[in-house]
Amino acid sequence: MDFFHHLLTEIVDVAILLFEFLGVLVIIVAGIKGIISLVKRSDLTRLNLAKGMALGLEFKLGSEILRTVVVRDFSELITVAGIIALRAALTLLIHWEIKNEEAHHESAELPGQDEKSD
């Protein structure tokens, strides 16, 4: 039984590192694309940056959820729960921002499209 616990712990630790790495990588790539988009003065800079950050945070949130599998005591559980709550709140705020930005861009595009079709 101890072997399986050790194996599970090792697998979860590797998965946590992988998810953390992917989350950081996605956020870095989104940031670089955001800088390029900002320099080009694209109207979709904020939207694309928010989507990249949301995706990166989803990976990081996944790693925190996996971390709950290997929690050893109650104080660790409280810490992990706090981190999950903060990351979930950030993700919700970013998704709300994405929704507002998409609505803003859709409303801005509609009048311009009607004028061109006349």
Protein backbone atom coordinates (compact mmCIF):
# COMPACT_ATOMS: atom_id res chain seq x y z
CA MET A 1 0.00 0.00 0.00
CA ASP A 2 2.88 2.34 0.79
CA PHE A 3 4.27 1.75 -2.72
CA PHE A 4 1.02 2.95 -4.34
CA HIS A 5 0.90 6.04 -2.13
CA HIS A 6 4.48 6.88 -3.06
CA LEU A 7 3.73 6.25 -6.76
CA LEU A 8 0.63 8.46 -6.63
CA THR A 9 2.58 11.21 -4.91
CA GLU A 10 5.32 11.08 -7.55
CA ILE A 11 2.82 11.15 -10.43
CA VAL A 12 0.91 14.05 -8.90
CA ASP A 13 4.14 15.98 -8.23
CA VAL A 14 5.20 15.61 -11.88
CA ALA A 15 1.72 16.61 -13.08
CA ILE A 16 1.73 19.66 -10.80
CA LEU A 17 5.10 20.77 -12.21
CA LEU A 18 3.87 20.20 -15.76
CA PHE A 19 0.66 22.20 -15.21
CA GLU A 20 2.56 25.01 -13.46
CA PHE A 21 5.10 25.14 -16.30
CA LEU A 22 2.39 25.18 -18.96
CA GLY A 23 0.48 27.90 -17.11
CA VAL A 24 3.55 30.11 -16.85
CA LEU A 25 4.47 29.42 -20.49
CA VAL A 26 0.97 30.34 -21.71
CA ILE A 27 0.99 33.57 -19.69
CA ILE A 28 4.44 34.52 -21.01
CA VAL A 29 3.44 33.83 -24.63
CA ALA A 30 0.19 35.78 -24.14
CA GLY A 31 2.18 38.67 -22.67
CA ILE A 32 4.62 38.73 -25.59
CA LYS A 33 1.75 38.58 -28.08
CA GLY A 34 0.04 41.35 -26.09
CA ILE A 35 3.11 43.58 -26.34
CA ILE A 36 3.35 42.97 -30.10
CA SER A 37 -0.37 43.64 -30.48
CA LEU A 38 -0.05 46.83 -28.42
CA VAL A 39 2.80 48.08 -30.61
CA LYS A 40 0.66 47.36 -33.69
CA ARG A 41 -2.22 49.23 -31.99
CA SER A 42 -4.69 46.37 -32.43
CA ASP A 43 -8.18 46.89 -31.04
CA LEU A 44 -8.19 43.31 -29.77
CA THR A 45 -5.07 43.63 -27.57
CA ARG A 46 -6.94 43.59 -24.25
CA LEU A 47 -9.24 40.77 -25.33
CA ASN A 48 -6.44 38.52 -26.59
CA LEU A 49 -4.29 39.23 -23.54
CA ALA A 50 -7.18 38.45 -21.18
CA LYS A 51 -7.88 35.18 -23.00
CA GLY A 52 -4.23 34.16 -22.72
CA MET A 53 -4.10 35.00 -19.03
CA ALA A 54 -7.34 33.10 -18.41
CA LEU A 55 -5.95 30.01 -20.13
CA GLY A 56 -2.70 30.23 -18.17
CA LEU A 57 -4.62 30.60 -14.91
CA GLU A 58 -6.72 27.54 -15.77
CA PHE A 59 -3.52 25.46 -15.93
CA LYS A 60 -2.30 26.93 -12.65
CA LEU A 61 -5.68 26.25 -11.04
CA GLY A 62 -5.47 22.66 -12.25
CA SER A 63 -2.11 22.27 -10.53
CA GLU A 64 -3.57 23.57 -7.27
CA ILE A 65 -6.45 21.13 -7.49
CA LEU A 66 -3.97 18.31 -8.01
CA ARG A 67 -2.02 19.59 -5.01
CA THR A 68 -5.03 18.78 -2.81
CA VAL A 69 -4.42 15.09 -3.55
CA VAL A 70 -1.11 15.10 -1.69
CA VAL A 71 -2.03 17.42 1.19
CA ARG A 72 -0.63 16.01 4.41
CA ASP A 73 -2.27 18.12 7.12
CA PHE A 74 -5.09 20.58 7.72
CA SER A 75 -2.95 23.73 7.58
CA GLU A 76 -1.73 22.74 4.09
CA LEU A 77 -5.34 22.17 3.05
CA ILE A 78 -6.32 25.66 4.22
CA THR A 79 -3.40 27.19 2.31
CA VAL A 80 -4.22 25.27 -0.88
CA ALA A 81 -7.92 26.14 -0.53
CA GLY A 82 -7.03 29.82 -0.20
CA ILE A 83 -4.84 29.69 -3.30
CA ILE A 84 -7.58 27.90 -5.24
CA ALA A 85 -10.14 30.50 -4.15
CA LEU A 86 -7.88 33.39 -5.21
CA ARG A 87 -7.05 31.84 -8.58
CA ALA A 88 -10.71 30.97 -9.19
CA ALA A 89 -11.70 34.57 -8.37
CA LEU A 90 -9.04 35.89 -10.76
CA THR A 91 -10.25 33.52 -13.47
CA LEU A 92 -13.85 34.64 -12.99
CA LEU A 93 -12.84 38.30 -13.16
CA ILE A 94 -10.84 37.72 -16.33
CA HIS A 95 -13.71 35.81 -17.94
CA TRP A 96 -16.05 38.69 -17.00
CA GLU A 97 -13.59 41.12 -18.62
CA ILE A 98 -13.43 38.94 -21.75
CA LYS A 99 -17.23 38.89 -21.97
CA ASN A 100 -17.40 42.68 -21.64
CA GLU A 101 -14.63 43.23 -24.19
CA GLU A 102 -16.31 40.89 -26.70
CA ALA A 103 -19.64 42.68 -26.22
CA HIS A 104 -17.89 46.03 -26.67
CA HIS A 105 -16.20 44.90 -29.90
CA GLU A 106 -19.42 43.39 -31.26
CA SER A 107 -21.37 46.60 -30.60
CA ALA A 108 -18.57 48.69 -32.13
CA GLU A 109 -18.50 46.52 -35.28
CA LEU A 110 -22.24 46.49 -35.99
CA PRO A 111 -22.69 50.16 -37.06
CA GLY A 112 -19.59 50.04 -39.25
CA GLN A 113 -20.79 46.92 -41.06
CA ASP A 114 -24.23 48.43 -41.76
CA GLU A 115 -22.70 51.53 -43.36
CA LYS A 116 -20.48 49.46 -45.67
CA SER A 117 -23.35 47.26 -46.86
CA ASP A 118 -25.48 50.26 -47.98
